[in-house]
Each structure stands twice: as C-alpha cells, then as structure tokens.
C-alpha atoms as a PDB file:
ATOM      1  CA  MET A   1      94.858  79.635  94.748  1.00  0.00           C
ATOM      2  CA  VAL A   2      95.106  80.278  98.247  1.00  0.00           C
ATOM      3  CA  ILE A   3      99.155  80.349  97.666  1.00  0.00           C
ATOM      4  CA  LYS A   4      98.093  84.001  95.615  1.00  0.00           C
ATOM      5  CA  TYR A   5      96.642  85.134  98.171  1.00  0.00           C
ATOM      6  CA  PHE A   6      98.619  84.468 101.104  1.00  0.00           C
ATOM      7  CA  LEU A   7     101.926  85.877  99.242  1.00  0.00           C
ATOM      8  CA  SER A   8      99.489  89.079  97.688  1.00  0.00           C
ATOM      9  CA  GLY A   9      99.256  89.949 101.221  1.00  0.00           C
ATOM     10  CA  PHE A  10     102.843  88.975 101.982  1.00  0.00           C
ATOM     11  CA  PHE A  11     104.457  90.860  99.294  1.00  0.00           C
ATOM     12  CA  VAL A  12     101.890  94.111  99.629  1.00  0.00           C
ATOM     13  CA  LYS A  13     102.838  94.510 103.518  1.00  0.00           C
ATOM     14  CA  ILE A  14     106.452  94.045 102.702  1.00  0.00           C
ATOM     15  CA  ILE A  15     106.514  96.963  99.811  1.00  0.00           C
ATOM     16  CA  ALA A  16     104.284  99.093 101.599  1.00  0.00           C
ATOM     17  CA  GLY A  17     105.982  98.971 105.095  1.00  0.00           C
ATOM     18  CA  PHE A  18     109.639  98.901 103.663  1.00  0.00           C
ATOM     19  CA  ASP A  19     110.570 102.144 104.191  1.00  0.00           C
ATOM     20  CA  ASP A  20     108.551 101.993 107.787  1.00  0.00           C
ATOM     21  CA  THR A  21     110.568  99.201 109.202  1.00  0.00           C
ATOM     22  CA  LEU A  22     113.549 101.619 107.926  1.00  0.00           C
ATOM     23  CA  THR A  23     112.322 104.608 109.528  1.00  0.00           C
ATOM     24  CA  ARG A  24     111.613 103.007 113.074  1.00  0.00           C
ATOM     25  CA  ILE A  25     114.442 101.347 113.301  1.00  0.00           C
ATOM     26  CA  PRO A  26     116.792 104.641 114.522  1.00  0.00           C
ATOM     27  CA  ILE A  27     113.471 105.227 117.156  1.00  0.00           C
ATOM     28  CA  VAL A  28     113.352 102.182 118.567  1.00  0.00           C
ATOM     29  CA  ALA A  29     117.090 102.530 119.121  1.00  0.00           C
ATOM     30  CA  ASN A  30     117.306 105.673 120.232  1.00  0.00           C
ATOM     31  CA  LEU A  31     114.325 104.510 123.149  1.00  0.00           C
ATOM     32  CA  THR A  32     116.064 101.191 123.887  1.00  0.00           C
ATOM     33  CA  ARG A  33     118.936  99.304 124.041  1.00  0.00           C
ATOM     34  CA  THR A  34     117.358  95.853 125.523  1.00  0.00           C
ATOM     35  CA  LYS A  35     116.137  93.179 123.136  1.00  0.00           C
ATOM     36  CA  ARG A  36     113.200  93.011 125.335  1.00  0.00           C
ATOM     37  CA  GLY A  37     112.619  96.737 125.069  1.00  0.00           C
ATOM     38  CA  ARG A  38     112.757  96.282 121.498  1.00  0.00           C
ATOM     39  CA  ILE A  39     110.010  93.205 121.629  1.00  0.00           C
ATOM     40  CA  ALA A  40     107.843  95.695 123.601  1.00  0.00           C
ATOM     41  CA  PHE A  41     108.034  98.219 120.925  1.00  0.00           C
ATOM     42  CA  ALA A  42     107.153  95.586 118.274  1.00  0.00           C
ATOM     43  CA  GLY A  43     104.195  94.225 120.110  1.00  0.00           C
ATOM     44  CA  GLY A  44     102.740  97.497 120.551  1.00  0.00           C
ATOM     45  CA  ILE A  45     103.609  97.985 116.226  1.00  0.00           C
ATOM     46  CA  PHE A  46     101.979  94.762 116.068  1.00  0.00           C
ATOM     47  CA  LEU A  47      98.581  96.075 117.488  1.00  0.00           C
ATOM     48  CA  ALA A  48      98.446  99.167 115.226  1.00  0.00           C
ATOM     49  CA  ILE A  49      98.565  97.151 112.034  1.00  0.00           C
ATOM     50  CA  CYS A  50      95.834  94.680 113.233  1.00  0.00           C
ATOM     51  CA  VAL A  51      93.953  98.348 113.940  1.00  0.00           C
ATOM     52  CA  ALA A  52      95.334  99.238 110.141  1.00  0.00           C
ATOM     53  CA  MET A  53      93.609  95.979 108.287  1.00  0.00           C
ATOM     54  CA  VAL A  54      90.577  96.458 110.351  1.00  0.00           C
ATOM     55  CA  ILE A  55      90.118 100.336 109.021  1.00  0.00           C
ATOM     56  CA  SER A  56      91.922  98.830 105.452  1.00  0.00           C
ATOM     57  CA  PHE A  57      88.949  96.552 105.199  1.00  0.00           C
ATOM     58  CA  LEU A  58      86.224  98.940 106.138  1.00  0.00           C
ATOM     59  CA  PHE A  59      87.728 101.251 103.536  1.00  0.00           C
ATOM     60  CA  ALA A  60      88.006  98.735 100.270  1.00  0.00           C
ATOM     61  CA  SER A  61      84.167  97.795 101.462  1.00  0.00           C
ATOM     62  CA  ILE A  62      83.113 101.478 100.691  1.00  0.00           C
ATOM     63  CA  ILE A  63      85.270 101.175  97.834  1.00  0.00           C
ATOM     64  CA  LYS A  64      83.653  98.663  96.577  1.00  0.00           C
ATOM     65  CA  SER A  65      80.645  99.767  96.569  1.00  0.00           C
ATOM     66  CA  LEU A  66      81.797 102.752  93.958  1.00  0.00           C
ATOM     67  CA  PRO A  67      81.580 101.758  89.972  1.00  0.00           C
ATOM     68  CA  TYR A  68      84.739 101.157  88.642  1.00  0.00           C
ATOM     69  CA  PHE A  69      86.675 100.243  92.244  1.00  0.00           C
ATOM     70  CA  ARG A  70      89.690  99.110  90.685  1.00  0.00           C
ATOM     71  CA  TYR A  71      90.581 101.820  88.772  1.00  0.00           C
ATOM     72  CA  ILE A  72      89.670 104.078  91.935  1.00  0.00           C
ATOM     73  CA  SER A  73      92.180 101.667  94.079  1.00  0.00           C
ATOM     74  CA  ALA A  74      95.096 101.646  91.368  1.00  0.00           C
ATOM     75  CA  THR A  75      94.883 105.742  91.262  1.00  0.00           C
ATOM     76  CA  LEU A  76      94.912 105.994  95.294  1.00  0.00           C
ATOM     77  CA  ILE A  77      98.037 103.659  94.812  1.00  0.00           C
ATOM     78  CA  PHE A  78     100.024 104.969  92.205  1.00  0.00           C
ATOM     79  CA  LEU A  79      99.199 108.754  94.071  1.00  0.00           C
ATOM     80  CA  LEU A  80     100.368 107.115  97.095  1.00  0.00           C
ATOM     81  CA  ALA A  81     103.580 105.912  95.469  1.00  0.00           C
ATOM     82  CA  ILE A  82     104.039 109.342  93.827  1.00  0.00           C
ATOM     83  CA  SER A  83     103.494 111.267  97.287  1.00  0.00           C
ATOM     84  CA  ILE A  84     106.108 108.908  98.470  1.00  0.00           C
ATOM     85  CA  TYR A  85     108.473 109.434  96.196  1.00  0.00           C
ATOM     86  CA  PHE A  86     108.079 113.570  96.059  1.00  0.00           C
ATOM     87  CA  ASP A  87     107.573 113.391 100.027  1.00  0.00           C
ATOM     88  CA  VAL A  88     104.233 114.573  99.945  1.00  0.00           C
ATOM     89  CA  PHE A  89     101.103 114.611 102.468  1.00  0.00           C
ATOM     90  CA  ILE A  90     102.328 110.919 104.155  1.00  0.00           C
ATOM     91  CA  GLN A  91     106.471 111.669 104.611  1.00  0.00           C
ATOM     92  CA  GLU A  92     105.905 114.795 106.309  1.00  0.00           C
ATOM     93  CA  PRO A  93     103.566 114.056 108.817  1.00  0.00           C
ATOM     94  CA  LYS A  94     105.982 111.228 109.282  1.00  0.00           C
ATOM     95  CA  LYS A  95     109.050 112.972 109.591  1.00  0.00           C
ATOM     96  CA  GLN A  96     106.935 115.326 112.030  1.00  0.00           C
ATOM     97  CA  VAL A  97     106.180 112.106 114.042  1.00  0.00           C
ATOM     98  CA  GLU A  98     110.249 110.724 113.964  1.00  0.00           C
ATOM     99  CA  LYS A  99     111.183 114.029 115.246  1.00  0.00           C
ATOM    100  CA  LYS A 100     109.002 114.169 118.170  1.00  0.00           C
ATOM    101  CA  LEU A 101     110.008 110.664 119.225  1.00  0.00           C
ATOM    102  CA  LYS A 102     113.614 111.086 118.852  1.00  0.00           C
ATOM    103  CA  LYS A 103     113.179 114.022 121.930  1.00  0.00           C
ATOM    104  CA  ILE A 104     111.720 111.192 124.306  1.00  0.00           C
ATOM    105  CA  LYS A 105     114.324 110.282 126.316  1.00  0.00           C
ATOM    106  CA  ARG A 106     115.486 106.363 126.600  1.00  0.00           C
ATOM    107  CA  ILE A 107     112.930 104.328 128.196  1.00  0.00           C
ATOM    108  CA  SER A 108     113.711 101.787 130.970  1.00  0.00           C
ATOM    109  CA  THR A 109     112.597  98.001 130.142  1.00  0.00           C
ATOM    110  CA  LYS A 110     110.684  97.919 133.786  1.00  0.00           C
ATOM    111  CA  ARG A 111     108.150 100.552 131.914  1.00  0.00           C
ATOM    112  CA  ILE A 112     106.735  97.720 129.025  1.00  0.00           C
ATOM    113  CA  PHE A 113     103.348  99.128 128.730  1.00  0.00           C
ATOM    114  CA  LYS A 114     105.008 102.853 127.834  1.00  0.00           C
ATOM    115  CA  LEU A 115     107.010 101.332 125.117  1.00  0.00           C
ATOM    116  CA  ILE A 116     104.086  99.366 123.580  1.00  0.00           C
ATOM    117  CA  GLY A 117     102.196 101.965 123.658  1.00  0.00           C
ATOM    118  CA  ILE A 118     104.800 104.624 122.129  1.00  0.00           C
ATOM    119  CA  GLY A 119     105.146 101.874 119.085  1.00  0.00           C
ATOM    120  CA  PHE A 120     101.939 101.811 118.990  1.00  0.00           C
ATOM    121  CA  LEU A 121     101.222 104.971 118.383  1.00  0.00           C
ATOM    122  CA  THR A 122     104.456 105.267 116.188  1.00  0.00           C
ATOM    123  CA  ALA A 123     102.766 102.863 113.606  1.00  0.00           C
ATOM    124  CA  PHE A 124      99.510 104.217 113.961  1.00  0.00           C
ATOM    125  CA  ALA A 125     100.683 108.197 113.029  1.00  0.00           C
ATOM    126  CA  THR A 126     102.436 106.524 110.205  1.00  0.00           C
ATOM    127  CA  LEU A 127     100.375 103.389 108.870  1.00  0.00           C
ATOM    128  CA  LEU A 128      97.890 106.049 106.447  1.00  0.00           C
ATOM    129  CA  ASP A 129     100.161 104.299 103.426  1.00  0.00           C
ATOM    130  CA  ASP A 130      99.757 101.000 104.469  1.00  0.00           C
ATOM    131  CA  THR A 131      96.257 101.335 105.306  1.00  0.00           C
ATOM    132  CA  ILE A 132      95.746 102.291 101.701  1.00  0.00           C
ATOM    133  CA  ALA A 133      97.854  99.773 100.156  1.00  0.00           C
ATOM    134  CA  TYR A 134      96.175  97.152 102.398  1.00  0.00           C
ATOM    135  CA  SER A 135      92.376  98.098 101.169  1.00  0.00           C
ATOM    136  CA  SER A 136      93.047  97.223  97.446  1.00  0.00           C
ATOM    137  CA  LEU A 137      93.784  93.414  99.222  1.00  0.00           C
ATOM    138  CA  PHE A 138      90.042  93.458 100.191  1.00  0.00           C
ATOM    139  CA  LEU A 139      88.542  94.409  97.255  1.00  0.00           C
ATOM    140  CA  GLY A 140      88.073  90.696  96.343  1.00  0.00           C
ATOM    141  CA  ASP A 141      86.065  87.528  97.609  1.00  0.00           C
ATOM    142  CA  VAL A 142      85.754  87.592 101.483  1.00  0.00           C
ATOM    143  CA  SER A 143      86.694  84.018 101.904  1.00  0.00           C
ATOM    144  CA  ASN A 144      90.327  85.242 100.746  1.00  0.00           C
ATOM    145  CA  LEU A 145      90.267  87.219 104.053  1.00  0.00           C
ATOM    146  CA  PRO A 146      92.161  84.975 106.277  1.00  0.00           C
ATOM    147  CA  TYR A 147      94.662  84.605 103.590  1.00  0.00           C
ATOM    148  CA  ILE A 148      95.118  87.965 102.821  1.00  0.00           C
ATOM    149  CA  VAL A 149      95.522  88.366 106.622  1.00  0.00           C
ATOM    150  CA  GLY A 150      98.393  85.749 107.049  1.00  0.00           C
ATOM    151  CA  GLY A 151     100.416  86.779 104.427  1.00  0.00           C
ATOM    152  CA  ILE A 152     100.188  90.322 105.883  1.00  0.00           C
ATOM    153  CA  LEU A 153     100.616  88.753 109.445  1.00  0.00           C
ATOM    154  CA  VAL A 154     103.701  86.625 108.551  1.00  0.00           C
ATOM    155  CA  ALA A 155     105.513  89.650 106.578  1.00  0.00           C
ATOM    156  CA  THR A 156     104.615  91.546 110.050  1.00  0.00           C
ATOM    157  CA  PHE A 157     106.426  89.222 112.431  1.00  0.00           C
ATOM    158  CA  LEU A 158     109.267  89.129 109.975  1.00  0.00           C
ATOM    159  CA  GLN A 159     109.991  92.954 109.480  1.00  0.00           C
ATOM    160  CA  LEU A 160     109.694  92.622 113.424  1.00  0.00           C
ATOM    161  CA  GLY A 161     112.143  90.489 113.359  1.00  0.00           C
ATOM    162  CA  ILE A 162     114.522  92.752 111.336  1.00  0.00           C
ATOM    163  CA  ILE A 163     113.810  95.887 114.114  1.00  0.00           C
ATOM    164  CA  ILE A 164     114.671  93.456 116.864  1.00  0.00           C
ATOM    165  CA  TYR A 165     117.578  91.418 116.125  1.00  0.00           C
ATOM    166  CA  PHE A 166     119.358  93.176 112.328  1.00  0.00           C
ATOM    167  CA  SER A 167     118.589  97.180 113.773  1.00  0.00           C
ATOM    168  CA  LYS A 168     122.212  98.204 112.977  1.00  0.00           C
ATOM    169  CA  LYS A 169     122.322  96.315 109.605  1.00  0.00           C
ATOM    170  CA  VAL A 170     119.505  97.775 107.967  1.00  0.00           C
ATOM    171  CA  MET A 171     120.062 101.061 109.110  1.00  0.00           C
ATOM    172  CA  LYS A 172     122.857 101.664 106.046  1.00  0.00           C
ATOM    173  CA  PHE A 173     120.447 101.008 103.272  1.00  0.00           C
ATOM    174  CA  ARG A 174     119.698 104.258 101.750  1.00  0.00           C
ATOM    175  CA  TRP A 175     116.894 103.284  98.268  1.00  0.00           C
ATOM    176  CA  LYS A 176     113.690 102.775 101.276  1.00  0.00           C
ATOM    177  CA  LYS A 177     111.726 105.786  99.408  1.00  0.00           C
ATOM    178  CA  GLU A 178     112.959 104.451  95.568  1.00  0.00           C
ATOM    179  CA  VAL A 179     112.085 100.527  96.543  1.00  0.00           C
ATOM    180  CA  THR A 180     108.710 101.558  98.323  1.00  0.00           C
ATOM    181  CA  THR A 181     107.638 103.405  95.314  1.00  0.00           C
ATOM    182  CA  VAL A 182     108.650 100.743  92.528  1.00  0.00           C
ATOM    183  CA  GLY A 183     106.715  98.307  94.566  1.00  0.00           C
ATOM    184  CA  LEU A 184     103.665 100.450  95.036  1.00  0.00           C
ATOM    185  CA  LEU A 185     103.673 101.280  91.135  1.00  0.00           C
ATOM    186  CA  ILE A 186     104.077  97.363  90.210  1.00  0.00           C
ATOM    187  CA  LEU A 187     100.838  97.279  92.886  1.00  0.00           C
ATOM    188  CA  ALA A 188      98.993  99.944  90.748  1.00  0.00           C
ATOM    189  CA  VAL A 189      99.379  98.086  87.999  1.00  0.00           C
ATOM    190  CA  LEU A 190      98.495  94.700  88.797  1.00  0.00           C
ATOM    191  CA  ILE A 191      95.369  95.906  90.561  1.00  0.00           C
ATOM    192  CA  LEU A 192      94.871  97.502  87.551  1.00  0.00           C
ATOM    193  CA  PHE A 193      94.914  94.459  85.533  1.00  0.00           C
ATOM    194  CA  ASN A 194      93.223  92.949  87.788  1.00  0.00           C
ATOM    195  CA  VAL A 195      95.700  90.370  89.082  1.00  0.00           C
ATOM    196  CA  LEU A 196      95.444  91.204  92.494  1.00  0.00           C
END
C-alpha cells in the first residue's frame, strides 16, 4: 500500500509537471549559463512546489467536505486536461510569464538569491494545473500523506535534475502538451473509479 501512494504522488507530479519542466528549460538557459545558477533557479522551483502542495492539501480539504467529491475532483482534472490541450485559461498566463522572463537579461551567479526568487515566481505562476492535480491525491486518508508527498518530492528532484543537467537534449521534445493532456485524462479516470 505504501508503494501505491508513493507511486501515485510520483506519477501525478511527472504528468502534471511535464509541460512545466520543458517550458522552464529555455527560461533557465536564458537567465544563467552556469550549473550553479541553474541549481539556484531549481531551488526556487522546489520552494514553489512545496507551497503548491500546501495549497493543494487545503483545496482537497474543501473538496472532501462536498458530496460526490471524487466526481468533482475527476471533473476538475478532466477540464484541466482540456484547457492544457486547447491552450485555454492556464496555458495563456504561462506564455505571458515566459515572454516576460525571456526579456530579463542574464543574471550572474553572484546573485543567487535573485535566481532563487525568479525560479520561485516562475514556478508559482505556472503551478495552477499542478495544484489541481496534487489535490486529487490528498482526498484520501491523511495517514498516506507522507508517502504521497515523498513521491511528489522524488519526481520533483528528478525533473529539477533534468533542468540542471539535460536541458539541451530535452528542449527538442515537441509533444509536451499531448503527453500532459493524456496523462491528466488517465488520472481523471483513475480518480473517478477510486483507483487513486
């Protein structure tokens, strides 16, 4: 059972964060050249994801108090998948954030705290879809929370590692929107049938 909750956290983070990871790579490349700078930026992203998990937990607490909460959660994730695929609501603000960040001049690694702050703001501005996806994980028993959070954190470190070490190779991937959409639709079905 522990593995189930850990893997659910891991896969939801991979699915929900896939498009964000690919989006942030060119931003990181634009802002800093050094590995140290990329690590600082990734640190800001990590902090934003931690805040998003807290918000998700609070949001899930509200949803759980409603009747038919699993149907509500599955519907939200389904709508999220559709909005990502058709660039509605969530994707447009992400694109605006990307445009603004690309105008920022390259930051020296001496300004580590500035890079952490920009990493945090970039991630936080683009984490609405992740927050909705995470909340679906927090609908169950609170005792499973450490395993779910552990899965999310391991996936987070994996994605941050990709940003830091493999950014040039991953930038070539074209199907980020489709992969995220299909993954979220599968997640919605799993929640609807009480698998997660």
